[in-house]
Amino acid sequence: MSAKERKGKIYARSATLGQEGRAPLYAQVEACTKLAESLGYVIGSRDILTEVGSGSDLDRPQMNKVRLMAANGEFDALFVDDLARLSRDFVDLLMLMREFKSRDVEVHFVQGQ
């Protein structure tokens, strides 16, 4: 990674495949990629983490991977469609936001930009 390159990751989650009323995973990824690139972040195929699982449970495989990569300083910004994709639990959401901030990772949401 060059000194000027800003590295981003995308996290997309759906409670179920084909979840009604929510953006499908591919739409979340597309919207996050567009936002990331508009802000000058580099997103590669290995930078997109998707999973199907409940947002009320913080112990999710891909979320755990994102948190570990943040702890290791592997990226500068995380792109997520909306708050509920990160967590459905308000306390967990606040904890995640503090955790990412302490690791100097910016969190950008497509909804609410």
Protein backbone atom coordinates (compact mmCIF):
# COMPACT_ATOMS: atom_id res chain seq x y z
CA MET A 1 0.00 0.00 0.00
CA SER A 2 1.48 3.35 -1.03
CA ALA A 3 1.70 6.26 1.42
CA LYS A 4 -1.23 8.02 -0.33
CA GLU A 5 -3.46 4.99 -0.81
CA ARG A 6 -6.38 4.82 1.59
CA LYS A 7 -7.53 1.29 2.23
CA GLY A 8 -11.18 0.51 2.90
CA LYS A 9 -13.25 -2.52 3.77
CA ILE A 10 -16.93 -3.13 3.12
CA TYR A 11 -19.16 -5.02 5.54
CA ALA A 12 -22.60 -6.12 4.35
CA ARG A 13 -25.03 -8.24 6.33
CA SER A 14 -28.49 -9.64 5.78
CA ALA A 15 -30.54 -11.52 8.37
CA THR A 16 -31.61 -14.02 5.71
CA LEU A 17 -30.93 -14.57 2.03
CA GLY A 18 -33.49 -12.58 0.07
CA GLN A 19 -34.47 -10.62 3.18
CA GLU A 20 -37.65 -8.67 2.49
CA GLY A 21 -37.61 -4.92 3.02
CA ARG A 22 -33.80 -4.64 3.12
CA ALA A 23 -31.24 -4.06 0.44
CA PRO A 24 -29.87 -7.40 -0.80
CA LEU A 25 -26.20 -8.03 -0.09
CA TYR A 26 -25.16 -7.20 -3.66
CA ALA A 27 -26.98 -3.85 -3.47
CA GLN A 28 -25.33 -3.03 -0.14
CA VAL A 29 -21.91 -3.86 -1.59
CA GLU A 30 -22.57 -1.79 -4.70
CA ALA A 31 -23.68 1.25 -2.69
CA CYS A 32 -20.74 0.96 -0.28
CA THR A 33 -18.25 0.57 -3.13
CA LYS A 34 -19.61 3.67 -4.83
CA LEU A 35 -19.33 5.70 -1.60
CA ALA A 36 -15.83 4.39 -0.83
CA GLU A 37 -14.50 5.19 -4.29
CA SER A 38 -16.09 8.66 -4.22
CA LEU A 39 -14.09 9.33 -1.06
CA GLY A 40 -10.85 8.07 -2.60
CA TYR A 41 -10.62 4.67 -0.93
CA VAL A 42 -9.33 1.58 -2.70
CA ILE A 43 -11.65 -1.43 -2.53
CA GLY A 44 -10.53 -4.78 -3.90
CA SER A 45 -12.44 -8.05 -4.05
CA ARG A 46 -10.75 -9.22 -0.84
CA ASP A 47 -11.98 -6.07 0.92
CA ILE A 48 -15.65 -7.05 0.77
CA LEU A 49 -16.97 -9.05 3.70
CA THR A 50 -20.56 -10.30 3.57
CA GLU A 51 -22.57 -12.58 5.76
CA VAL A 52 -26.04 -13.80 6.54
CA GLY A 53 -26.90 -13.70 10.22
CA SER A 54 -28.75 -11.90 12.95
CA GLY A 55 -27.73 -8.35 13.77
CA SER A 56 -28.66 -8.95 17.39
CA ASP A 57 -25.68 -11.31 17.82
CA LEU A 58 -22.30 -9.58 17.79
CA ASP A 59 -20.39 -12.86 17.47
CA ARG A 60 -20.56 -13.25 13.69
CA PRO A 61 -17.65 -14.75 11.67
CA GLN A 62 -17.19 -11.89 9.19
CA MET A 63 -17.72 -9.21 11.85
CA ASN A 64 -15.08 -10.92 13.99
CA LYS A 65 -12.76 -10.86 10.97
CA VAL A 66 -13.39 -7.12 10.42
CA ARG A 67 -12.65 -6.41 14.07
CA LEU A 68 -9.41 -8.41 13.95
CA MET A 69 -8.27 -6.64 10.77
CA ALA A 70 -9.04 -3.28 12.42
CA ALA A 71 -7.01 -4.29 15.46
CA ASN A 72 -4.11 -5.19 13.14
CA GLY A 73 -4.29 -1.83 11.35
CA GLU A 74 -5.10 -3.41 7.98
CA PHE A 75 -7.46 -0.67 6.79
CA ASP A 76 -8.40 2.96 7.31
CA ALA A 77 -12.18 3.00 6.82
CA LEU A 78 -15.13 0.67 7.03
CA PHE A 79 -18.14 1.14 4.74
CA VAL A 80 -21.56 -0.14 5.79
CA ASP A 81 -25.00 0.41 4.27
CA ASP A 82 -26.65 1.52 7.51
CA LEU A 83 -26.36 1.28 11.30
CA ALA A 84 -28.56 -1.82 11.54
CA ARG A 85 -26.21 -3.77 9.27
CA LEU A 86 -23.45 -3.34 11.88
CA SER A 87 -25.66 -4.27 14.84
CA ARG A 88 -29.30 -4.27 15.88
CA ASP A 89 -28.30 -3.81 19.54
CA PHE A 90 -27.67 -0.18 20.49
CA VAL A 91 -25.07 -1.00 23.17
CA ASP A 92 -23.17 -3.30 20.80
CA LEU A 93 -23.31 -0.62 18.11
CA LEU A 94 -21.81 1.98 20.44
CA MET A 95 -19.12 -0.48 21.53
CA LEU A 96 -18.20 -1.24 17.92
CA MET A 97 -18.03 2.44 17.03
CA ARG A 98 -15.73 3.12 20.01
CA GLU A 99 -13.61 0.11 19.09
CA PHE A 100 -13.16 1.26 15.49
CA LYS A 101 -12.44 4.83 16.59
CA SER A 102 -9.76 3.62 19.03
CA ARG A 103 -8.13 1.81 16.11
CA ASP A 104 -8.24 4.94 13.92
CA VAL A 105 -10.78 3.36 11.58
CA GLU A 106 -13.39 5.71 10.17
CA VAL A 107 -16.87 4.22 9.75
CA HIS A 108 -18.95 5.51 6.84
CA PHE A 109 -22.63 4.68 6.33
CA VAL A 110 -24.32 4.93 2.94
CA GLN A 111 -27.65 5.74 4.59
CA GLY A 112 -27.23 9.02 6.41
CA GLN A 113 -24.27 10.41 4.46
